[in-house]
Amino acid sequence: MEVDMMKSMIIVALLMVATSAAAQQPESPANSIRVSAADLDVTSAQGTRALDRRLKAAVRRVCGELDARDPYRQSAYRQCLTIARQSAKAGRAALVAHASDQAPSINISR
């Protein structure tokens, strides 16, 4: 019961982050991306390295391309990266901590 409550709290927190960041950057390609870890053993070093590569790629997809010509967009892009990385880090920690009893995927939000 406590594990289910903790999972729900993590999901709600990630959704809150995604909602606030999405309101600030309406032109980005996606608000969130689900990263599957179903084929990974995240209790092993090899599995966590593969997961980290997937999360890094997902963060880049969520935030889109940097428009270096526009200072406002540069700032928004950096903010998106920060929020998405925090989301990925929180999701990764929860997934690894509960590897045996959690659905093997993470939502990366901005």
PDB file of N, CA and C in Angstrom:
ATOM      1  N   MET A   1       0.819  -1.189   0.000  1.00  0.00           N
ATOM      2  CA  MET A   1       0.000   0.000   0.000  1.00  0.00           C
ATOM      3  C   MET A   1       0.867   1.258   0.000  1.00  0.00           C
ATOM      4  N   GLU A   2       1.929   1.279   0.818  1.00  0.00           N
ATOM      5  CA  GLU A   2       2.801   2.442   0.875  1.00  0.00           C
ATOM      6  C   GLU A   2       3.531   2.646  -0.445  1.00  0.00           C
ATOM      7  N   VAL A   3       3.919   1.556  -1.110  1.00  0.00           N
ATOM      8  CA  VAL A   3       4.610   1.656  -2.393  1.00  0.00           C
ATOM      9  C   VAL A   3       3.686   2.282  -3.430  1.00  0.00           C
ATOM     10  N   ASP A   4       2.409   1.860  -3.454  1.00  0.00           N
ATOM     11  CA  ASP A   4       1.453   2.435  -4.393  1.00  0.00           C
ATOM     12  C   ASP A   4       1.255   3.921  -4.137  1.00  0.00           C
ATOM     13  N   MET A   5       1.198   4.318  -2.880  1.00  0.00           N
ATOM     14  CA  MET A   5       1.028   5.723  -2.542  1.00  0.00           C
ATOM     15  C   MET A   5       2.250   6.524  -2.989  1.00  0.00           C
ATOM     16  N   MET A   6       3.448   5.968  -2.778  1.00  0.00           N
ATOM     17  CA  MET A   6       4.662   6.664  -3.174  1.00  0.00           C
ATOM     18  C   MET A   6       4.717   6.811  -4.695  1.00  0.00           C
ATOM     19  N   LYS A   7       4.345   5.770  -5.426  1.00  0.00           N
ATOM     20  CA  LYS A   7       4.315   5.849  -6.886  1.00  0.00           C
ATOM     21  C   LYS A   7       3.354   6.945  -7.338  1.00  0.00           C
ATOM     22  N   SER A   8       2.189   7.000  -6.710  1.00  0.00           N
ATOM     23  CA  SER A   8       1.203   8.020  -7.066  1.00  0.00           C
ATOM     24  C   SER A   8       1.738   9.418  -6.789  1.00  0.00           C
ATOM     25  N   MET A   9       2.425   9.585  -5.677  1.00  0.00           N
ATOM     26  CA  MET A   9       2.981  10.892  -5.336  1.00  0.00           C
ATOM     27  C   MET A   9       4.052  11.301  -6.340  1.00  0.00           C
ATOM     28  N   ILE A  10       4.887  10.360  -6.771  1.00  0.00           N
ATOM     29  CA  ILE A  10       5.924  10.656  -7.757  1.00  0.00           C
ATOM     30  C   ILE A  10       5.284  11.065  -9.075  1.00  0.00           C
ATOM     31  N   ILE A  11       4.270  10.335  -9.500  1.00  0.00           N
ATOM     32  CA  ILE A  11       3.590  10.652 -10.757  1.00  0.00           C
ATOM     33  C   ILE A  11       2.957  12.035 -10.689  1.00  0.00           C
ATOM     34  N   VAL A  12       2.299  12.345  -9.591  1.00  0.00           N
ATOM     35  CA  VAL A  12       1.674  13.664  -9.439  1.00  0.00           C
ATOM     36  C   VAL A  12       2.730  14.760  -9.474  1.00  0.00           C
ATOM     37  N   ALA A  13       3.842  14.558  -8.800  1.00  0.00           N
ATOM     38  CA  ALA A  13       4.909  15.567  -8.792  1.00  0.00           C
ATOM     39  C   ALA A  13       5.461  15.784 -10.195  1.00  0.00           C
ATOM     40  N   LEU A  14       5.677  14.712 -10.933  1.00  0.00           N
ATOM     41  CA  LEU A  14       6.186  14.845 -12.298  1.00  0.00           C
ATOM     42  C   LEU A  14       5.179  15.557 -13.193  1.00  0.00           C
ATOM     43  N   LEU A  15       3.906  15.267 -13.010  1.00  0.00           N
ATOM     44  CA  LEU A  15       2.889  15.943 -13.810  1.00  0.00           C
ATOM     45  C   LEU A  15       2.824  17.428 -13.490  1.00  0.00           C
ATOM     46  N   MET A  16       3.014  17.787 -12.227  1.00  0.00           N
ATOM     47  CA  MET A  16       3.008  19.198 -11.856  1.00  0.00           C
ATOM     48  C   MET A  16       4.176  19.920 -12.514  1.00  0.00           C
ATOM     49  N   VAL A  17       5.341  19.302 -12.518  1.00  0.00           N
ATOM     50  CA  VAL A  17       6.507  19.895 -13.172  1.00  0.00           C
ATOM     51  C   VAL A  17       6.243  20.037 -14.663  1.00  0.00           C
ATOM     52  N   ALA A  18       5.685  19.012 -15.264  1.00  0.00           N
ATOM     53  CA  ALA A  18       5.414  19.046 -16.702  1.00  0.00           C
ATOM     54  C   ALA A  18       4.423  20.143 -17.050  1.00  0.00           C
ATOM     55  N   THR A  19       3.393  20.300 -16.239  1.00  0.00           N
ATOM     56  CA  THR A  19       2.369  21.299 -16.511  1.00  0.00           C
ATOM     57  C   THR A  19       2.924  22.710 -16.406  1.00  0.00           C
ATOM     58  N   SER A  20       3.696  22.993 -15.376  1.00  0.00           N
ATOM     59  CA  SER A  20       4.223  24.347 -15.215  1.00  0.00           C
ATOM     60  C   SER A  20       5.242  24.671 -16.292  1.00  0.00           C
ATOM     61  N   ALA A  21       6.069  23.724 -16.660  1.00  0.00           N
ATOM     62  CA  ALA A  21       7.065  23.976 -17.696  1.00  0.00           C
ATOM     63  C   ALA A  21       6.417  24.094 -19.064  1.00  0.00           C
ATOM     64  N   ALA A  22       5.410  23.294 -19.325  1.00  0.00           N
ATOM     65  CA  ALA A  22       4.743  23.345 -20.624  1.00  0.00           C
ATOM     66  C   ALA A  22       4.069  24.693 -20.839  1.00  0.00           C
ATOM     67  N   ALA A  23       3.562  25.275 -19.793  1.00  0.00           N
ATOM     68  CA  ALA A  23       2.921  26.583 -19.916  1.00  0.00           C
ATOM     69  C   ALA A  23       3.933  27.652 -20.308  1.00  0.00           C
ATOM     70  N   GLN A  24       5.185  27.462 -19.942  1.00  0.00           N
ATOM     71  CA  GLN A  24       6.213  28.437 -20.259  1.00  0.00           C
ATOM     72  C   GLN A  24       6.775  28.251 -21.662  1.00  0.00           C
ATOM     73  N   GLN A  25       6.654  27.054 -22.243  1.00  0.00           N
ATOM     74  CA  GLN A  25       7.234  26.775 -23.546  1.00  0.00           C
ATOM     75  C   GLN A  25       6.232  26.073 -24.452  1.00  0.00           C
ATOM     76  N   PRO A  26       5.265  26.789 -24.988  1.00  0.00           N
ATOM     77  CA  PRO A  26       4.219  26.143 -25.764  1.00  0.00           C
ATOM     78  C   PRO A  26       4.667  25.632 -27.129  1.00  0.00           C
ATOM     79  N   GLU A  27       5.806  26.082 -27.661  1.00  0.00           N
ATOM     80  CA  GLU A  27       6.197  25.702 -29.004  1.00  0.00           C
ATOM     81  C   GLU A  27       7.122  24.492 -29.046  1.00  0.00           C
ATOM     82  N   SER A  28       7.435  23.892 -27.949  1.00  0.00           N
ATOM     83  CA  SER A  28       8.325  22.743 -27.927  1.00  0.00           C
ATOM     84  C   SER A  28       7.627  21.519 -28.496  1.00  0.00           C
ATOM     85  N   PRO A  29       8.413  20.546 -28.950  1.00  0.00           N
ATOM     86  CA  PRO A  29       7.837  19.407 -29.647  1.00  0.00           C
ATOM     87  C   PRO A  29       6.960  18.483 -28.809  1.00  0.00           C
ATOM     88  N   ALA A  30       7.257  18.283 -27.554  1.00  0.00           N
ATOM     89  CA  ALA A  30       6.465  17.363 -26.736  1.00  0.00           C
ATOM     90  C   ALA A  30       6.546  17.793 -25.282  1.00  0.00           C
ATOM     91  N   ASN A  31       5.464  17.575 -24.547  1.00  0.00           N
ATOM     92  CA  ASN A  31       5.480  17.894 -23.124  1.00  0.00           C
ATOM     93  C   ASN A  31       6.105  16.787 -22.303  1.00  0.00           C
ATOM     94  N   SER A  32       5.968  15.561 -22.773  1.00  0.00           N
ATOM     95  CA  SER A  32       6.579  14.445 -22.064  1.00  0.00           C
ATOM     96  C   SER A  32       6.797  13.286 -23.023  1.00  0.00           C
ATOM     97  N   ILE A  33       7.707  12.434 -22.653  1.00  0.00           N
ATOM     98  CA  ILE A  33       8.027  11.234 -23.424  1.00  0.00           C
ATOM     99  C   ILE A  33       8.145  10.087 -22.435  1.00  0.00           C
ATOM    100  N   ARG A  34       7.548   8.967 -22.773  1.00  0.00           N
ATOM    101  CA  ARG A  34       7.668   7.777 -21.929  1.00  0.00           C
ATOM    102  C   ARG A  34       8.903   7.009 -22.376  1.00  0.00           C
ATOM    103  N   VAL A  35       9.773   6.737 -21.424  1.00  0.00           N
ATOM    104  CA  VAL A  35      10.990   5.974 -21.689  1.00  0.00           C
ATOM    105  C   VAL A  35      10.794   4.581 -21.111  1.00  0.00           C
ATOM    106  N   SER A  36      10.798   3.597 -21.972  1.00  0.00           N
ATOM    107  CA  SER A  36      10.592   2.222 -21.522  1.00  0.00           C
ATOM    108  C   SER A  36      11.900   1.611 -21.040  1.00  0.00           C
ATOM    109  N   ALA A  37      11.787   0.861 -19.973  1.00  0.00           N
ATOM    110  CA  ALA A  37      12.918   0.102 -19.460  1.00  0.00           C
ATOM    111  C   ALA A  37      12.524  -1.366 -19.327  1.00  0.00           C
ATOM    112  N   ALA A  38      11.483  -1.751 -20.044  1.00  0.00           N
ATOM    113  CA  ALA A  38      10.952  -3.108 -19.928  1.00  0.00           C
ATOM    114  C   ALA A  38      11.985  -4.168 -20.290  1.00  0.00           C
ATOM    115  N   ASP A  39      12.877  -3.834 -21.207  1.00  0.00           N
ATOM    116  CA  ASP A  39      13.870  -4.805 -21.650  1.00  0.00           C
ATOM    117  C   ASP A  39      15.188  -4.697 -20.889  1.00  0.00           C
ATOM    118  N   LEU A  40      15.235  -3.860 -19.861  1.00  0.00           N
ATOM    119  CA  LEU A  40      16.477  -3.630 -19.123  1.00  0.00           C
ATOM    120  C   LEU A  40      16.421  -4.217 -17.720  1.00  0.00           C
ATOM    121  N   ASP A  41      17.553  -4.687 -17.265  1.00  0.00           N
ATOM    122  CA  ASP A  41      17.707  -5.083 -15.861  1.00  0.00           C
ATOM    123  C   ASP A  41      18.346  -3.890 -15.159  1.00  0.00           C
ATOM    124  N   VAL A  42      17.514  -3.028 -14.582  1.00  0.00           N
ATOM    125  CA  VAL A  42      18.037  -1.804 -13.976  1.00  0.00           C
ATOM    126  C   VAL A  42      18.715  -2.053 -12.634  1.00  0.00           C
ATOM    127  N   THR A  43      18.794  -3.303 -12.235  1.00  0.00           N
ATOM    128  CA  THR A  43      19.564  -3.626 -11.035  1.00  0.00           C
ATOM    129  C   THR A  43      21.019  -3.911 -11.388  1.00  0.00           C
ATOM    130  N   SER A  44      21.342  -3.927 -12.682  1.00  0.00           N
ATOM    131  CA  SER A  44      22.724  -4.170 -13.112  1.00  0.00           C
ATOM    132  C   SER A  44      23.341  -2.874 -13.635  1.00  0.00           C
ATOM    133  N   ALA A  45      24.662  -2.811 -13.618  1.00  0.00           N
ATOM    134  CA  ALA A  45      25.369  -1.630 -14.124  1.00  0.00           C
ATOM    135  C   ALA A  45      25.100  -1.434 -15.612  1.00  0.00           C
ATOM    136  N   GLN A  46      25.092  -2.514 -16.365  1.00  0.00           N
ATOM    137  CA  GLN A  46      24.835  -2.428 -17.801  1.00  0.00           C
ATOM    138  C   GLN A  46      23.422  -1.896 -18.065  1.00  0.00           C
ATOM    139  N   GLY A  47      22.460  -2.370 -17.301  1.00  0.00           N
ATOM    140  CA  GLY A  47      21.082  -1.912 -17.461  1.00  0.00           C
ATOM    141  C   GLY A  47      20.909  -0.441 -17.123  1.00  0.00           C
ATOM    142  N   THR A  48      21.551   0.011 -16.057  1.00  0.00           N
ATOM    143  CA  THR A  48      21.422   1.425 -15.688  1.00  0.00           C
ATOM    144  C   THR A  48      22.140   2.327 -16.688  1.00  0.00           C
ATOM    145  N   ARG A  49      23.253   1.861 -17.263  1.00  0.00           N
ATOM    146  CA  ARG A  49      23.926   2.662 -18.300  1.00  0.00           C
ATOM    147  C   ARG A  49      23.031   2.806 -19.531  1.00  0.00           C
ATOM    148  N   ALA A  50      22.388   1.723 -19.919  1.00  0.00           N
ATOM    149  CA  ALA A  50      21.472   1.777 -21.064  1.00  0.00           C
ATOM    150  C   ALA A  50      20.294   2.701 -20.758  1.00  0.00           C
ATOM    151  N   LEU A  51      19.769   2.619 -19.550  1.00  0.00           N
ATOM    152  CA  LEU A  51      18.676   3.501 -19.144  1.00  0.00           C
ATOM    153  C   LEU A  51      19.125   4.958 -19.187  1.00  0.00           C
ATOM    154  N   ASP A  52      20.320   5.236 -18.689  1.00  0.00           N
ATOM    155  CA  ASP A  52      20.834   6.609 -18.696  1.00  0.00           C
ATOM    156  C   ASP A  52      20.952   7.155 -20.119  1.00  0.00           C
ATOM    157  N   ARG A  53      21.378   6.326 -21.066  1.00  0.00           N
ATOM    158  CA  ARG A  53      21.463   6.767 -22.471  1.00  0.00           C
ATOM    159  C   ARG A  53      20.073   7.101 -23.008  1.00  0.00           C
ATOM    160  N   ARG A  54      19.101   6.270 -22.683  1.00  0.00           N
ATOM    161  CA  ARG A  54      17.731   6.520 -23.141  1.00  0.00           C
ATOM    162  C   ARG A  54      17.173   7.805 -22.534  1.00  0.00           C
ATOM    163  N   LEU A  55      17.443   8.012 -21.253  1.00  0.00           N
ATOM    164  CA  LEU A  55      16.944   9.215 -20.586  1.00  0.00           C
ATOM    165  C   LEU A  55      17.572  10.474 -21.173  1.00  0.00           C
ATOM    166  N   LYS A  56      18.861  10.417 -21.447  1.00  0.00           N
ATOM    167  CA  LYS A  56      19.553  11.568 -22.034  1.00  0.00           C
ATOM    168  C   LYS A  56      18.946  11.914 -23.399  1.00  0.00           C
ATOM    169  N   ALA A  57      18.691  10.908 -24.208  1.00  0.00           N
ATOM    170  CA  ALA A  57      18.083  11.136 -25.522  1.00  0.00           C
ATOM    171  C   ALA A  57      16.661  11.689 -25.373  1.00  0.00           C
ATOM    172  N   ALA A  58      15.923  11.190 -24.392  1.00  0.00           N
ATOM    173  CA  ALA A  58      14.552  11.654 -24.176  1.00  0.00           C
ATOM    174  C   ALA A  58      14.527  13.113 -23.734  1.00  0.00           C
ATOM    175  N   VAL A  59      15.463  13.500 -22.895  1.00  0.00           N
ATOM    176  CA  VAL A  59      15.546  14.900 -22.462  1.00  0.00           C
ATOM    177  C   VAL A  59      15.747  15.797 -23.683  1.00  0.00           C
ATOM    178  N   ARG A  60      16.632  15.389 -24.579  1.00  0.00           N
ATOM    179  CA  ARG A  60      16.868  16.191 -25.794  1.00  0.00           C
ATOM    180  C   ARG A  60      15.616  16.257 -26.666  1.00  0.00           C
ATOM    181  N   ARG A  61      14.883  15.145 -26.771  1.00  0.00           N
ATOM    182  CA  ARG A  61      13.658  15.147 -27.586  1.00  0.00           C
ATOM    183  C   ARG A  61      12.576  16.022 -26.961  1.00  0.00           C
ATOM    184  N   VAL A  62      12.447  15.982 -25.651  1.00  0.00           N
ATOM    185  CA  VAL A  62      11.425  16.781 -24.973  1.00  0.00           C
ATOM    186  C   VAL A  62      11.686  18.273 -25.158  1.00  0.00           C
ATOM    187  N   CYS A  63      12.931  18.666 -25.092  1.00  0.00           N
ATOM    188  CA  CYS A  63      13.261  20.091 -25.164  1.00  0.00           C
ATOM    189  C   CYS A  63      13.432  20.597 -26.591  1.00  0.00           C
ATOM    190  N   GLY A  64      13.577  19.717 -27.539  1.00  0.00           N
ATOM    191  CA  GLY A  64      13.700  20.145 -28.929  1.00  0.00           C
ATOM    192  C   GLY A  64      15.067  20.740 -29.229  1.00  0.00           C
ATOM    193  N   GLU A  65      15.110  21.514 -30.291  1.00  0.00           N
ATOM    194  CA  GLU A  65      16.352  22.124 -30.757  1.00  0.00           C
ATOM    195  C   GLU A  65      16.564  23.494 -30.118  1.00  0.00           C
ATOM    196  N   LEU A  66      17.811  23.836 -29.914  1.00  0.00           N
ATOM    197  CA  LEU A  66      18.165  25.159 -29.398  1.00  0.00           C
ATOM    198  C   LEU A  66      18.170  26.156 -30.547  1.00  0.00           C
ATOM    199  N   ASP A  67      17.472  27.272 -30.373  1.00  0.00           N
ATOM    200  CA  ASP A  67      17.516  28.367 -31.336  1.00  0.00           C
ATOM    201  C   ASP A  67      18.524  29.380 -30.797  1.00  0.00           C
ATOM    202  N   ALA A  68      19.755  29.300 -31.296  1.00  0.00           N
ATOM    203  CA  ALA A  68      20.845  30.120 -30.772  1.00  0.00           C
ATOM    204  C   ALA A  68      20.709  31.595 -31.130  1.00  0.00           C
ATOM    205  N   ARG A  69      19.795  31.926 -32.033  1.00  0.00           N
ATOM    206  CA  ARG A  69      19.647  33.322 -32.453  1.00  0.00           C
ATOM    207  C   ARG A  69      18.790  34.142 -31.496  1.00  0.00           C
ATOM    208  N   ASP A  70      18.011  33.490 -30.682  1.00  0.00           N
ATOM    209  CA  ASP A  70      17.052  34.186 -29.823  1.00  0.00           C
ATOM    210  C   ASP A  70      17.442  33.997 -28.354  1.00  0.00           C
ATOM    211  N   PRO A  71      17.900  35.057 -27.682  1.00  0.00           N
ATOM    212  CA  PRO A  71      18.322  34.926 -26.274  1.00  0.00           C
ATOM    213  C   PRO A  71      17.217  34.407 -25.355  1.00  0.00           C
ATOM    214  N   TYR A  72      15.967  34.814 -25.598  1.00  0.00           N
ATOM    215  CA  TYR A  72      14.873  34.323 -24.760  1.00  0.00           C
ATOM    216  C   TYR A  72      14.733  32.813 -24.919  1.00  0.00           C
ATOM    217  N   ARG A  73      14.796  32.346 -26.141  1.00  0.00           N
ATOM    218  CA  ARG A  73      14.665  30.905 -26.388  1.00  0.00           C
ATOM    219  C   ARG A  73      15.849  30.134 -25.804  1.00  0.00           C
ATOM    220  N   GLN A  74      17.020  30.751 -25.797  1.00  0.00           N
ATOM    221  CA  GLN A  74      18.177  30.096 -25.181  1.00  0.00           C
ATOM    222  C   GLN A  74      17.922  29.876 -23.697  1.00  0.00           C
ATOM    223  N   SER A  75      17.401  30.899 -23.051  1.00  0.00           N
ATOM    224  CA  SER A  75      17.090  30.795 -21.627  1.00  0.00           C
ATOM    225  C   SER A  75      16.002  29.751 -21.383  1.00  0.00           C
ATOM    226  N   ALA A  76      14.972  29.775 -22.211  1.00  0.00           N
ATOM    227  CA  ALA A  76      13.880  28.810 -22.070  1.00  0.00           C
ATOM    228  C   ALA A  76      14.382  27.387 -22.322  1.00  0.00           C
ATOM    229  N   TYR A  77      15.284  27.242 -23.282  1.00  0.00           N
ATOM    230  CA  TYR A  77      15.850  25.928 -23.591  1.00  0.00           C
ATOM    231  C   TYR A  77      16.653  25.398 -22.401  1.00  0.00           C
ATOM    232  N   ARG A  78      17.483  26.256 -21.824  1.00  0.00           N
ATOM    233  CA  ARG A  78      18.266  25.837 -20.647  1.00  0.00           C
ATOM    234  C   ARG A  78      17.346  25.457 -19.494  1.00  0.00           C
ATOM    235  N   GLN A  79      16.274  26.228 -19.318  1.00  0.00           N
ATOM    236  CA  GLN A  79      15.315  25.920 -18.254  1.00  0.00           C
ATOM    237  C   GLN A  79      14.632  24.578 -18.533  1.00  0.00           C
ATOM    238  N   CYS A  80      14.276  24.343 -19.783  1.00  0.00           N
ATOM    239  CA  CYS A  80      13.658  23.072 -20.159  1.00  0.00           C
ATOM    240  C   CYS A  80      14.607  21.915 -19.853  1.00  0.00           C
ATOM    241  N   LEU A  81      15.876  22.059 -20.228  1.00  0.00           N
ATOM    242  CA  LEU A  81      16.852  21.000 -19.954  1.00  0.00           C
ATOM    243  C   LEU A  81      16.958  20.724 -18.457  1.00  0.00           C
ATOM    244  N   THR A  82      16.996  21.778 -17.672  1.00  0.00           N
ATOM    245  CA  THR A  82      17.111  21.616 -16.220  1.00  0.00           C
ATOM    246  C   THR A  82      15.912  20.854 -15.663  1.00  0.00           C
ATOM    247  N   ILE A  83      14.720  21.262 -16.058  1.00  0.00           N
ATOM    248  CA  ILE A  83      13.502  20.622 -15.548  1.00  0.00           C
ATOM    249  C   ILE A  83      13.401  19.180 -16.039  1.00  0.00           C
ATOM    250  N   ALA A  84      13.688  18.963 -17.321  1.00  0.00           N
ATOM    251  CA  ALA A  84      13.596  17.610 -17.876  1.00  0.00           C
ATOM    252  C   ALA A  84      14.632  16.686 -17.233  1.00  0.00           C
ATOM    253  N   ARG A  85      15.823  17.198 -16.990  1.00  0.00           N
ATOM    254  CA  ARG A  85      16.851  16.376 -16.328  1.00  0.00           C
ATOM    255  C   ARG A  85      16.432  16.026 -14.905  1.00  0.00           C
ATOM    256  N   GLN A  86      15.835  16.984 -14.208  1.00  0.00           N
ATOM    257  CA  GLN A  86      15.350  16.706 -12.852  1.00  0.00           C
ATOM    258  C   GLN A  86      14.253  15.647 -12.893  1.00  0.00           C
ATOM    259  N   SER A  87      13.375  15.757 -13.873  1.00  0.00           N
ATOM    260  CA  SER A  87      12.303  14.778 -14.031  1.00  0.00           C
ATOM    261  C   SER A  87      12.885  13.395 -14.314  1.00  0.00           C
ATOM    262  N   ALA A  88      13.873  13.347 -15.202  1.00  0.00           N
ATOM    263  CA  ALA A  88      14.519  12.075 -15.538  1.00  0.00           C
ATOM    264  C   ALA A  88      15.226  11.484 -14.321  1.00  0.00           C
ATOM    265  N   LYS A  89      15.902  12.336 -13.574  1.00  0.00           N
ATOM    266  CA  LYS A  89      16.629  11.871 -12.388  1.00  0.00           C
ATOM    267  C   LYS A  89      15.668  11.292 -11.350  1.00  0.00           C
ATOM    268  N   ALA A  90      14.554  11.978 -11.130  1.00  0.00           N
ATOM    269  CA  ALA A  90      13.564  11.495 -10.159  1.00  0.00           C
ATOM    270  C   ALA A  90      12.936  10.187 -10.627  1.00  0.00           C
ATOM    271  N   GLY A  91      12.596  10.122 -11.899  1.00  0.00           N
ATOM    272  CA  GLY A  91      12.014   8.896 -12.438  1.00  0.00           C
ATOM    273  C   GLY A  91      12.983   7.735 -12.389  1.00  0.00           C
ATOM    274  N   ARG A  92      14.248   8.005 -12.704  1.00  0.00           N
ATOM    275  CA  ARG A  92      15.279   6.967 -12.672  1.00  0.00           C
ATOM    276  C   ARG A  92      15.451   6.434 -11.257  1.00  0.00           C
ATOM    277  N   ALA A  93      15.534   7.343 -10.307  1.00  0.00           N
ATOM    278  CA  ALA A  93      15.720   6.930  -8.913  1.00  0.00           C
ATOM    279  C   ALA A  93      14.560   6.059  -8.441  1.00  0.00           C
ATOM    280  N   ALA A  94      13.343   6.463  -8.777  1.00  0.00           N
ATOM    281  CA  ALA A  94      12.171   5.682  -8.371  1.00  0.00           C
ATOM    282  C   ALA A  94      12.155   4.320  -9.056  1.00  0.00           C
ATOM    283  N   LEU A  95      12.505   4.297 -10.335  1.00  0.00           N
ATOM    284  CA  LEU A  95      12.504   3.036 -11.076  1.00  0.00           C
ATOM    285  C   LEU A  95      13.542   2.069 -10.522  1.00  0.00           C
ATOM    286  N   VAL A  96      14.738   2.559 -10.276  1.00  0.00           N
ATOM    287  CA  VAL A  96      15.801   1.696  -9.756  1.00  0.00           C
ATOM    288  C   VAL A  96      15.480   1.235  -8.337  1.00  0.00           C
ATOM    289  N   ALA A  97      14.945   2.141  -7.522  1.00  0.00           N
ATOM    290  CA  ALA A  97      14.625   1.788  -6.135  1.00  0.00           C
ATOM    291  C   ALA A  97      13.536   0.727  -6.047  1.00  0.00           C
ATOM    292  N   HIS A  98      12.621   0.758  -6.995  1.00  0.00           N
ATOM    293  CA  HIS A  98      11.493  -0.177  -6.965  1.00  0.00           C
ATOM    294  C   HIS A  98      11.494  -1.060  -8.206  1.00  0.00           C
ATOM    295  N   ALA A  99      12.671  -1.479  -8.628  1.00  0.00           N
ATOM    296  CA  ALA A  99      12.816  -2.229  -9.876  1.00  0.00           C
ATOM    297  C   ALA A  99      11.963  -3.487  -9.915  1.00  0.00           C
ATOM    298  N   SER A 100      11.768  -4.118  -8.806  1.00  0.00           N
ATOM    299  CA  SER A 100      11.030  -5.378  -8.816  1.00  0.00           C
ATOM    300  C   SER A 100       9.519  -5.204  -8.760  1.00  0.00           C
ATOM    301  N   ASP A 101       9.029  -4.022  -8.376  1.00  0.00           N
ATOM    302  CA  ASP A 101       7.581  -3.887  -8.209  1.00  0.00           C
ATOM    303  C   ASP A 101       6.981  -2.696  -8.949  1.00  0.00           C
ATOM    304  N   GLN A 102       7.677  -2.148  -9.923  1.00  0.00           N
ATOM    305  CA  GLN A 102       7.185  -0.968 -10.633  1.00  0.00           C
ATOM    306  C   GLN A 102       7.131  -1.249 -12.126  1.00  0.00           C
ATOM    307  N   ALA A 103       6.183  -0.629 -12.806  1.00  0.00           N
ATOM    308  CA  ALA A 103       6.120  -0.724 -14.260  1.00  0.00           C
ATOM    309  C   ALA A 103       7.407  -0.145 -14.841  1.00  0.00           C
ATOM    310  N   PRO A 104       8.030  -0.836 -15.781  1.00  0.00           N
ATOM    311  CA  PRO A 104       9.351  -0.425 -16.263  1.00  0.00           C
ATOM    312  C   PRO A 104       9.323   0.683 -17.305  1.00  0.00           C
ATOM    313  N   SER A 105       8.884   1.864 -16.916  1.00  0.00           N
ATOM    314  CA  SER A 105       8.954   3.011 -17.810  1.00  0.00           C
ATOM    315  C   SER A 105       8.985   4.287 -16.986  1.00  0.00           C
ATOM    316  N   ILE A 106       9.457   5.360 -17.614  1.00  0.00           N
ATOM    317  CA  ILE A 106       9.590   6.656 -16.952  1.00  0.00           C
ATOM    318  C   ILE A 106       9.035   7.717 -17.882  1.00  0.00           C
ATOM    319  N   ASN A 107       8.284   8.656 -17.345  1.00  0.00           N
ATOM    320  CA  ASN A 107       7.849   9.813 -18.116  1.00  0.00           C
ATOM    321  C   ASN A 107       8.842  10.934 -17.888  1.00  0.00           C
ATOM    322  N   ILE A 108       9.384  11.488 -18.961  1.00  0.00           N
ATOM    323  CA  ILE A 108      10.279  12.633 -18.886  1.00  0.00           C
ATOM    324  C   ILE A 108       9.446  13.848 -19.246  1.00  0.00           C
ATOM    325  N   SER A 109       9.377  14.797 -18.342  1.00  0.00           N
ATOM    326  CA  SER A 109       8.528  15.966 -18.536  1.00  0.00           C
ATOM    327  C   SER A 109       9.352  17.228 -18.526  1.00  0.00           C
ATOM    328  N   ARG A 110       8.748  18.263 -19.078  1.00  0.00           N
ATOM    329  CA  ARG A 110       9.391  19.577 -19.032  1.00  0.00           C
ATOM    330  C   ARG A 110       8.432  20.579 -18.477  1.00  0.00           C
TER     331      ARG A 110
END
